[in-house]
Amino acid sequence: MNKTITLEIIEKWLKDSDCDVRHAAMNACNGREVPLEIIEKGLKDSDWRVRHAAMNACNGREVPLEIIEKGLKDSDWRVRHTAMNACNGREVPLEIIEKGLKDSDWRVRHAATELWTKQTGKPLPIIRTIEPPERVYKKCLNGVIVVASIPSDAEVRGGYDGKCRTNKAKIIEVIGSFGGEEVGISIYDETTAYFAGNDVFIDDFDRGFDECSTGFHFFCDIKQAQAY
């Protein structure tokens, strides 16, 4: 006879002083219709892992919007991210999605962006903090400079006097060589390769304004790139 963690065990574990036990209790709620009071209790826990597991237990079931809103106000980005993902498959007020778009963590903002597109059928307006010049510059390993152009429909963050980033770019020239080849190798991951003619698209681009978040990073002036 197969045994399962019963509701009585879950309720007992949630009262335990050990956060690992409480975490296991909330994980046991996944995929089953436990009383909402249990999820609400998990969302009030002092340990973020328990609160995260409580939000995970909301996926795939009907829960009041108030519960998701609690998750979206959590101090830990992982809980807020899971809460935003829990909005998938249901109609939520656009104000909630707009709050997610302003979140301090890029993963929450990215989830909110996808939800906005699904719910409205429209992409978010393109934001360009600057209009980049025709040629922009990215420094790669071995001092190689990758020259790119930024399409008119690309997102752009940053300023003329510092590092910028975008979700789209066209590599038009590689100045220098790496290993005897005219290619730029990313300093960040030492893996991404840029060849002249390549189109670059960043599918997890962060629509926020953090300088060092996801995107194709570049400078507007070649001297800035060389000095980086």
Protein backbone atom coordinates (compact mmCIF):
# COMPACT_ATOMS: atom_id res chain seq x y z
CA MET A 1 0.00 0.00 0.00
CA ASN A 2 1.45 3.36 -1.06
CA LYS A 3 1.63 5.97 1.66
CA THR A 4 1.35 9.71 1.12
CA ILE A 5 1.97 12.74 3.28
CA THR A 6 -1.47 13.40 4.69
CA LEU A 7 -3.02 16.77 5.36
CA GLU A 8 -2.60 16.11 9.08
CA ILE A 9 1.14 15.61 8.61
CA ILE A 10 1.40 18.78 6.52
CA GLU A 11 -0.38 20.80 9.18
CA LYS A 12 1.86 19.33 11.89
CA TRP A 13 5.05 20.01 9.93
CA LEU A 14 4.03 23.62 9.27
CA LYS A 15 4.17 24.21 13.01
CA ASP A 16 7.70 22.80 13.29
CA SER A 17 10.54 25.09 14.37
CA ASP A 18 12.83 23.64 11.67
CA CYS A 19 12.42 25.57 8.40
CA ASP A 20 13.45 22.48 6.41
CA VAL A 21 10.47 20.61 7.83
CA ARG A 22 8.10 23.49 7.08
CA HIS A 23 9.55 23.72 3.57
CA ALA A 24 8.91 19.99 3.03
CA ALA A 25 5.36 20.48 4.26
CA MET A 26 4.66 23.19 1.68
CA ASN A 27 6.32 21.16 -1.09
CA ALA A 28 3.91 18.34 -0.25
CA CYS A 29 1.05 20.70 -1.17
CA ASN A 30 2.07 20.83 -4.84
CA GLY A 31 -0.46 19.29 -7.20
CA ARG A 32 -3.16 18.82 -4.58
CA GLU A 33 -6.17 20.78 -3.37
CA VAL A 34 -5.11 21.78 0.10
CA PRO A 35 -7.14 24.32 2.08
CA LEU A 36 -6.25 27.91 1.21
CA GLU A 37 -5.52 28.60 4.87
CA ILE A 38 -2.47 26.36 4.58
CA ILE A 39 -1.13 28.31 1.60
CA GLU A 40 -1.82 31.59 3.39
CA LYS A 41 0.05 30.31 6.43
CA GLY A 42 3.00 29.35 4.25
CA LEU A 43 3.08 32.85 2.74
CA LYS A 44 3.50 34.30 6.23
CA ASP A 45 6.47 32.09 7.08
CA SER A 46 9.77 33.73 8.07
CA ASP A 47 11.74 31.56 5.62
CA TRP A 48 11.64 32.53 1.95
CA ARG A 49 11.81 28.91 0.79
CA VAL A 50 8.54 28.13 2.60
CA ARG A 51 6.87 31.21 1.11
CA HIS A 52 8.22 30.26 -2.33
CA ALA A 53 6.84 26.74 -1.99
CA ALA A 54 3.50 28.21 -0.89
CA MET A 55 3.32 30.26 -4.10
CA ASN A 56 4.30 27.20 -6.13
CA ALA A 57 1.32 25.40 -4.62
CA CYS A 58 -0.92 28.01 -6.30
CA ASN A 59 0.11 26.95 -9.80
CA GLY A 60 -2.54 25.02 -11.67
CA ARG A 61 -5.37 25.76 -9.26
CA GLU A 62 -7.90 28.50 -8.70
CA VAL A 63 -6.84 30.76 -5.86
CA PRO A 64 -8.18 34.18 -4.92
CA LEU A 65 -6.31 37.06 -6.48
CA GLU A 66 -5.58 38.34 -2.97
CA ILE A 67 -3.24 35.39 -2.37
CA ILE A 68 -1.25 36.10 -5.53
CA GLU A 69 -1.08 39.77 -4.57
CA LYS A 70 0.45 38.78 -1.24
CA GLY A 71 3.15 36.89 -3.11
CA LEU A 72 3.81 39.87 -5.37
CA LYS A 73 4.50 42.03 -2.31
CA ASP A 74 7.02 39.59 -0.83
CA SER A 75 10.50 40.82 0.08
CA ASP A 76 12.16 37.96 -1.83
CA TRP A 77 12.29 38.15 -5.64
CA ARG A 78 11.87 34.37 -6.00
CA VAL A 79 8.49 34.52 -4.29
CA ARG A 80 7.42 37.51 -6.39
CA HIS A 81 8.61 35.77 -9.58
CA THR A 82 6.60 32.66 -8.77
CA ALA A 83 3.57 34.81 -7.94
CA MET A 84 3.81 36.56 -11.30
CA ASN A 85 4.07 33.20 -13.07
CA ALA A 86 1.00 32.05 -11.11
CA CYS A 87 -0.96 34.72 -13.00
CA ASN A 88 -0.56 32.76 -16.24
CA GLY A 89 -3.81 31.29 -17.51
CA ARG A 90 -6.03 33.74 -15.68
CA GLU A 91 -7.27 37.26 -16.25
CA VAL A 92 -5.57 39.63 -13.85
CA PRO A 93 -5.99 43.41 -13.67
CA LEU A 94 -3.40 45.21 -15.77
CA GLU A 95 -2.42 47.23 -12.69
CA ILE A 96 -0.96 44.06 -11.20
CA ILE A 97 1.09 43.40 -14.33
CA GLU A 98 2.20 47.03 -14.40
CA LYS A 99 3.48 46.66 -10.83
CA GLY A 100 5.46 43.63 -11.96
CA LEU A 101 6.96 45.65 -14.80
CA LYS A 102 8.35 48.08 -12.21
CA ASP A 103 9.75 45.39 -9.91
CA SER A 104 13.34 45.74 -8.68
CA ASP A 105 14.26 42.28 -10.04
CA TRP A 106 14.61 41.73 -13.79
CA ARG A 107 13.19 38.17 -13.65
CA VAL A 108 9.94 39.47 -12.20
CA ARG A 109 9.84 42.21 -14.84
CA HIS A 110 10.50 39.66 -17.59
CA ALA A 111 7.63 37.44 -16.37
CA ALA A 112 5.37 40.51 -16.24
CA THR A 113 6.36 41.44 -19.80
CA GLU A 114 5.38 37.99 -21.10
CA LEU A 115 2.11 38.13 -19.19
CA TRP A 116 1.31 41.58 -20.60
CA THR A 117 1.78 40.30 -24.17
CA LYS A 118 -0.36 37.21 -23.55
CA GLN A 119 -3.19 39.15 -21.93
CA THR A 120 -3.33 42.22 -24.16
CA GLY A 121 -2.07 40.70 -27.42
CA LYS A 122 0.16 43.74 -27.77
CA PRO A 123 3.87 44.17 -27.14
CA LEU A 124 4.94 46.77 -24.63
CA PRO A 125 5.95 50.13 -26.09
CA ILE A 126 9.62 50.23 -27.07
CA ILE A 127 11.77 52.26 -24.67
CA ARG A 128 14.94 53.94 -25.92
CA THR A 129 16.74 56.08 -23.38
CA ILE A 130 19.02 57.30 -26.16
CA GLU A 131 19.09 57.19 -29.94
CA PRO A 132 22.38 55.35 -30.58
CA PRO A 133 24.74 56.47 -33.37
CA GLU A 134 24.96 54.47 -36.60
CA ARG A 135 27.98 52.57 -35.27
CA VAL A 136 28.33 51.34 -31.68
CA TYR A 137 31.18 49.40 -30.11
CA LYS A 138 31.60 46.37 -27.87
CA LYS A 139 34.90 45.25 -26.36
CA CYS A 140 35.62 41.52 -26.47
CA LEU A 141 38.45 39.24 -25.36
CA ASN A 142 41.98 40.05 -26.54
CA GLY A 143 41.00 43.70 -27.09
CA VAL A 144 38.86 42.87 -30.12
CA ILE A 145 36.24 45.54 -30.85
CA VAL A 146 32.94 44.48 -32.34
CA VAL A 147 31.19 47.20 -34.34
CA ALA A 148 27.41 46.99 -34.54
CA SER A 149 24.35 48.92 -35.65
CA ILE A 150 21.19 49.06 -33.55
CA PRO A 151 17.86 48.57 -35.40
CA SER A 152 15.22 51.27 -35.06
CA ASP A 153 12.81 48.84 -33.36
CA ALA A 154 15.29 47.78 -30.67
CA GLU A 155 15.03 48.50 -26.97
CA VAL A 156 17.91 50.67 -25.74
CA ARG A 157 19.02 51.45 -22.19
CA GLY A 158 21.91 53.63 -21.04
CA GLY A 159 23.45 56.96 -21.94
CA TYR A 160 25.96 58.39 -24.39
CA ASP A 161 28.63 58.68 -21.71
CA GLY A 162 28.49 55.10 -20.39
CA LYS A 163 27.76 51.46 -21.09
CA CYS A 164 24.48 50.76 -22.89
CA ARG A 165 22.53 47.61 -23.70
CA THR A 166 19.93 46.55 -26.25
CA ASN A 167 17.87 43.53 -27.24
CA LYS A 168 18.81 43.66 -30.94
CA ALA A 169 21.98 44.40 -32.90
CA LYS A 170 23.59 43.78 -36.28
CA ILE A 171 27.33 43.05 -36.28
CA ILE A 172 28.84 45.04 -39.14
CA GLU A 173 32.58 44.78 -38.47
CA VAL A 174 35.13 43.07 -36.23
CA ILE A 175 38.28 45.09 -35.47
CA GLY A 176 41.11 42.79 -34.47
CA SER A 177 41.33 39.01 -34.22
CA PHE A 178 41.10 36.22 -31.70
CA GLY A 179 43.02 32.98 -32.28
CA GLY A 180 43.81 34.12 -35.80
CA GLU A 181 40.12 34.65 -36.68
CA GLU A 182 38.16 37.87 -37.13
CA VAL A 183 35.73 37.16 -34.33
CA GLY A 184 34.76 38.80 -31.05
CA ILE A 185 34.41 36.53 -28.01
CA SER A 186 32.31 37.84 -25.15
CA ILE A 187 34.22 38.93 -22.06
CA TYR A 188 31.18 38.09 -19.95
CA ASP A 189 30.76 34.39 -20.72
CA GLU A 190 33.87 33.75 -22.86
CA THR A 191 31.60 31.71 -25.13
CA THR A 192 29.36 33.94 -27.23
CA ALA A 193 30.99 34.65 -30.60
CA TYR A 194 30.33 37.68 -32.81
CA PHE A 195 31.11 37.58 -36.54
CA ALA A 196 30.50 40.30 -39.11
CA GLY A 197 27.00 39.83 -40.52
CA ASN A 198 25.55 38.24 -37.38
CA ASP A 199 22.14 39.34 -36.12
CA VAL A 200 21.93 39.43 -32.33
CA PHE A 201 18.66 39.03 -30.45
CA ILE A 202 18.40 38.81 -26.66
CA ASP A 203 15.18 36.96 -25.81
CA ASP A 204 15.48 37.48 -22.04
CA PHE A 205 16.24 41.21 -22.32
CA ASP A 206 15.57 43.09 -19.09
CA ARG A 207 13.28 46.06 -19.73
CA GLY A 208 14.48 47.70 -16.53
CA PHE A 209 17.21 50.28 -16.31
CA ASP A 210 20.04 48.44 -14.55
CA GLU A 211 23.26 49.03 -16.46
CA CYS A 212 24.66 45.51 -16.05
CA SER A 213 21.52 43.45 -16.64
CA THR A 214 20.73 41.22 -19.62
CA GLY A 215 21.27 42.48 -23.16
CA PHE A 216 23.87 43.17 -25.82
CA HIS A 217 26.20 45.69 -24.14
CA PHE A 218 27.92 48.44 -26.09
CA PHE A 219 29.40 51.94 -26.00
CA CYS A 220 28.57 54.81 -28.32
CA ASP A 221 32.24 55.82 -28.67
CA ILE A 222 35.05 53.47 -29.66
CA LYS A 223 37.44 55.03 -27.15
CA GLN A 224 35.04 54.19 -24.34
CA ALA A 225 34.91 50.58 -25.52
CA GLN A 226 38.70 50.34 -25.81
CA ALA A 227 39.15 51.70 -22.28
CA TYR A 228 36.58 49.31 -20.77
